[in-house]
Each structure stands twice: as structure tokens, then as C-alpha cells.
Amino acid sequence: MAEVPGTGAVAEASATQVRGPAYDGEGTDMTNWNDSELGKIGAAEELELRSERADGTLRTPVTMWVVRVGDQLYVRSVKGTEGPWYRGTRSRHEGVVEAGGVRKDVTFVEAGSGEYDDVDTAYRAKYGHYTTIIETVLTEQARTSTLRLEPR
């Protein structure tokens, strides 16, 4: 039970309502994509990514493909971890993405190798009609640069 602010009334509240938009059960608040953001960004053909420099300023936007796997969004560099935009995400691991009319501050999280196959499948499903270039995001080099975009 929790007091409804300003009313004196008491109402049942879930852990999510009390602790914020998401709660991992371990005492850590987390932020998740909402369904509208996931749908719009996941359906967008391209995404603009701007990573933050060490001083907090934003780099020039880079346009890339984005895929959705369940409730997660992912991007990859065709040049792998040596790609310029990927290296730019490593200084602060934060930035801004924009796609499908949604602009969001994000954290760039290195995806685990256990996520690669599902991300590959999502890239093939979404961009497979680009038969001459789809393979560039499916190489081992590109796979190792897979980043999960987490809203902040």
C-alpha cells in the first residue's frame, strides 16, 4: 500500500510504480524502452547515432541500420570494433539515437556472443532484401561490434 500524493488516499502499488519505470528485483532501478519507442525505432529503416565525447559533447550523427530483438534494440559496425563510430561509443558509452520520430538518450552496451545469432536473424529479416550488402553486417568482424541500445 502507498499513499497517493496530495490526497491522503492509500492505494496498492507494485514495485514498478514505487521504484520507477522498471525494477530488477535486486534493488536496482532500470529504464526500459516503452512499446511505442520500440515499435517506432524497430520499424525505422535507419537510425542516427551520436555518441558522447569524453567532454560530454555529441559527435556528428552517423546513419546506420537498427534491429529489434524482443524488447531490445541493436546496432553494428560493418568495420567491426575498429570502425570510427564504434570507437567513438567507447569513450563514455553514452549518446543519443534518433529514428522513427523518437529521440532518446542511450547507453551503448556491448552485446554478448549469445545474442549474436538472434541479432543476425533480425538483420536478415529486416534488411535481407538488400542482397548485395546484408552480408556486411553478418561477418564475424561486424558481430563483435554488436551494441545493445539501452535508454537512460
Foldseek 3Di string as FASTA:
>chain_A
DDQDPPPRDDDDDDPCRVVHPDDDVPPDDFDFDDPVRCVQLQQFQKKWWWAAALVGDTDDTDIFGWHDDPRWIKGWDLQACPDPVLVRCPNPQWTWMDGSRDIFIWGWAFDDPVCLVSVLVRLCVNPVVVVVCSVSCNDPRGSRSMTITGGD
